Amino acid sequence: MNPETPEEESSQILATLERGLACPHISDYICWDPDPKLTPEKVVDRALAYKPIVL
């Protein structure tokens, strides 16, 4: 994500991604992932692979 994007807009983008991908960890993948070569495509692939724990 572009660091110059206003915080409000960034929050809206992340919320939309979380709803659309059903992955609560999308912001972690974008902001805190230790892999510096993580591309936007890999972030989406990882989010799509997310499976919630069924209780």
N, C-alpha and C. Protein backbone atom coordinates (compact mmCIF):
# COMPACT_ATOMS: atom_id res chain seq x y z
N MET A 1 0.85 -1.17 0.00
CA MET A 1 0.00 0.00 0.00
C MET A 1 0.89 1.23 0.00
N ASN A 2 0.48 2.21 -0.72
CA ASN A 2 1.25 3.45 -0.83
C ASN A 2 1.26 4.18 0.51
N PRO A 3 2.45 4.47 1.07
CA PRO A 3 2.50 5.16 2.36
C PRO A 3 1.94 6.58 2.33
N GLU A 4 1.78 7.14 1.15
CA GLU A 4 1.24 8.50 1.05
C GLU A 4 -0.28 8.52 0.97
N THR A 5 -0.91 7.35 0.96
CA THR A 5 -2.37 7.28 0.94
C THR A 5 -2.89 7.75 2.30
N PRO A 6 -3.87 8.64 2.32
CA PRO A 6 -4.42 9.11 3.60
C PRO A 6 -4.93 7.93 4.45
N GLU A 7 -4.81 8.06 5.76
CA GLU A 7 -5.18 6.98 6.67
C GLU A 7 -6.64 6.54 6.49
N GLU A 8 -7.54 7.49 6.33
CA GLU A 8 -8.95 7.15 6.17
C GLU A 8 -9.17 6.30 4.92
N GLU A 9 -8.52 6.68 3.83
CA GLU A 9 -8.65 5.92 2.59
C GLU A 9 -8.03 4.53 2.73
N SER A 10 -6.89 4.44 3.40
CA SER A 10 -6.24 3.14 3.64
C SER A 10 -7.15 2.23 4.45
N SER A 11 -7.79 2.79 5.46
CA SER A 11 -8.71 2.01 6.29
C SER A 11 -9.88 1.49 5.48
N GLN A 12 -10.41 2.32 4.60
CA GLN A 12 -11.52 1.89 3.74
C GLN A 12 -11.08 0.79 2.79
N ILE A 13 -9.90 0.91 2.23
CA ILE A 13 -9.38 -0.11 1.32
C ILE A 13 -9.23 -1.44 2.05
N LEU A 14 -8.62 -1.40 3.24
CA LEU A 14 -8.43 -2.63 4.01
C LEU A 14 -9.77 -3.25 4.41
N ALA A 15 -10.72 -2.45 4.82
CA ALA A 15 -12.04 -2.97 5.20
C ALA A 15 -12.72 -3.63 4.01
N THR A 16 -12.60 -3.03 2.84
CA THR A 16 -13.19 -3.61 1.62
C THR A 16 -12.52 -4.93 1.29
N LEU A 17 -11.20 -4.98 1.40
CA LEU A 17 -10.48 -6.24 1.13
C LEU A 17 -10.88 -7.33 2.12
N GLU A 18 -11.00 -6.98 3.41
CA GLU A 18 -11.39 -7.96 4.42
C GLU A 18 -12.77 -8.52 4.13
N ARG A 19 -13.70 -7.66 3.74
CA ARG A 19 -15.06 -8.12 3.42
C ARG A 19 -15.05 -8.99 2.16
N GLY A 20 -14.36 -8.54 1.14
CA GLY A 20 -14.37 -9.24 -0.14
C GLY A 20 -13.62 -10.55 -0.12
N LEU A 21 -12.57 -10.63 0.68
CA LEU A 21 -11.75 -11.84 0.71
C LEU A 21 -12.04 -12.72 1.92
N ALA A 22 -12.82 -12.23 2.86
CA ALA A 22 -13.18 -12.97 4.08
C ALA A 22 -11.95 -13.44 4.85
N CYS A 23 -10.90 -12.65 4.81
CA CYS A 23 -9.67 -12.97 5.54
C CYS A 23 -9.37 -11.84 6.51
N PRO A 24 -9.39 -12.12 7.82
CA PRO A 24 -9.14 -11.06 8.79
C PRO A 24 -7.67 -10.65 8.91
N HIS A 25 -6.79 -11.35 8.20
CA HIS A 25 -5.35 -11.10 8.32
C HIS A 25 -4.77 -10.29 7.17
N ILE A 26 -5.60 -9.79 6.29
CA ILE A 26 -5.11 -9.11 5.09
C ILE A 26 -4.21 -7.92 5.44
N SER A 27 -4.55 -7.16 6.46
CA SER A 27 -3.70 -6.01 6.82
C SER A 27 -2.34 -6.48 7.33
N ASP A 28 -2.30 -7.61 8.03
CA ASP A 28 -1.02 -8.16 8.48
C ASP A 28 -0.16 -8.55 7.29
N TYR A 29 -0.77 -9.17 6.29
CA TYR A 29 -0.01 -9.57 5.10
C TYR A 29 0.56 -8.36 4.39
N ILE A 30 -0.18 -7.27 4.36
CA ILE A 30 0.26 -6.07 3.65
C ILE A 30 1.29 -5.29 4.45
N CYS A 31 1.05 -5.11 5.74
CA CYS A 31 1.87 -4.20 6.54
C CYS A 31 3.00 -4.87 7.33
N TRP A 32 2.82 -6.11 7.76
CA TRP A 32 3.75 -6.70 8.71
C TRP A 32 4.41 -7.98 8.24
N ASP A 33 4.17 -8.42 7.02
CA ASP A 33 4.73 -9.69 6.57
C ASP A 33 6.25 -9.60 6.48
N PRO A 34 6.97 -10.63 6.95
CA PRO A 34 8.43 -10.59 6.92
C PRO A 34 9.02 -10.79 5.52
N ASP A 35 8.21 -11.20 4.56
CA ASP A 35 8.69 -11.43 3.20
C ASP A 35 8.70 -10.10 2.43
N PRO A 36 9.87 -9.51 2.19
CA PRO A 36 9.92 -8.21 1.51
C PRO A 36 9.52 -8.28 0.03
N LYS A 37 9.49 -9.48 -0.52
CA LYS A 37 9.15 -9.65 -1.94
C LYS A 37 7.69 -10.04 -2.14
N LEU A 38 6.89 -9.84 -1.12
CA LEU A 38 5.48 -10.20 -1.22
C LEU A 38 4.76 -9.22 -2.15
N THR A 39 4.30 -9.73 -3.28
CA THR A 39 3.63 -8.90 -4.28
C THR A 39 2.14 -8.80 -3.95
N PRO A 40 1.44 -7.83 -4.53
CA PRO A 40 -0.01 -7.75 -4.31
C PRO A 40 -0.72 -9.05 -4.70
N GLU A 41 -0.24 -9.70 -5.76
CA GLU A 41 -0.85 -10.96 -6.19
C GLU A 41 -0.67 -12.04 -5.13
N LYS A 42 0.51 -12.09 -4.52
CA LYS A 42 0.76 -13.09 -3.48
C LYS A 42 -0.07 -12.80 -2.23
N VAL A 43 -0.26 -11.53 -1.92
CA VAL A 43 -1.11 -11.16 -0.78
C VAL A 43 -2.53 -11.68 -1.01
N VAL A 44 -3.06 -11.45 -2.20
CA VAL A 44 -4.42 -11.91 -2.52
C VAL A 44 -4.47 -13.43 -2.51
N ASP A 45 -3.48 -14.09 -3.08
CA ASP A 45 -3.45 -15.56 -3.06
C ASP A 45 -3.45 -16.10 -1.64
N ARG A 46 -2.66 -15.48 -0.77
CA ARG A 46 -2.60 -15.92 0.63
C ARG A 46 -3.95 -15.68 1.32
N ALA A 47 -4.56 -14.54 1.04
CA ALA A 47 -5.87 -14.24 1.64
C ALA A 47 -6.94 -15.19 1.14
N LEU A 48 -6.89 -15.53 -0.15
CA LEU A 48 -7.87 -16.47 -0.70
C LEU A 48 -7.69 -17.88 -0.14
N ALA A 49 -6.47 -18.22 0.26
CA ALA A 49 -6.19 -19.54 0.83
C ALA A 49 -6.64 -19.65 2.29
N TYR A 50 -6.98 -18.53 2.91
CA TYR A 50 -7.39 -18.53 4.31
C TYR A 50 -8.66 -19.35 4.50
N LYS A 51 -8.63 -20.23 5.49
CA LYS A 51 -9.81 -21.03 5.86
C LYS A 51 -10.08 -20.80 7.34
N PRO A 52 -11.25 -20.26 7.68
CA PRO A 52 -11.55 -20.04 9.10
C PRO A 52 -11.69 -21.37 9.84
N ILE A 53 -11.42 -21.33 11.12
CA ILE A 53 -11.56 -22.52 11.96
C ILE A 53 -13.04 -22.72 12.25
N VAL A 54 -13.52 -23.92 11.98
CA VAL A 54 -14.92 -24.24 12.22
C VAL A 54 -15.02 -24.85 13.62
N LEU A 55 -15.84 -24.25 14.45
CA LEU A 55 -16.00 -24.76 15.82
C LEU A 55 -17.24 -25.60 15.94
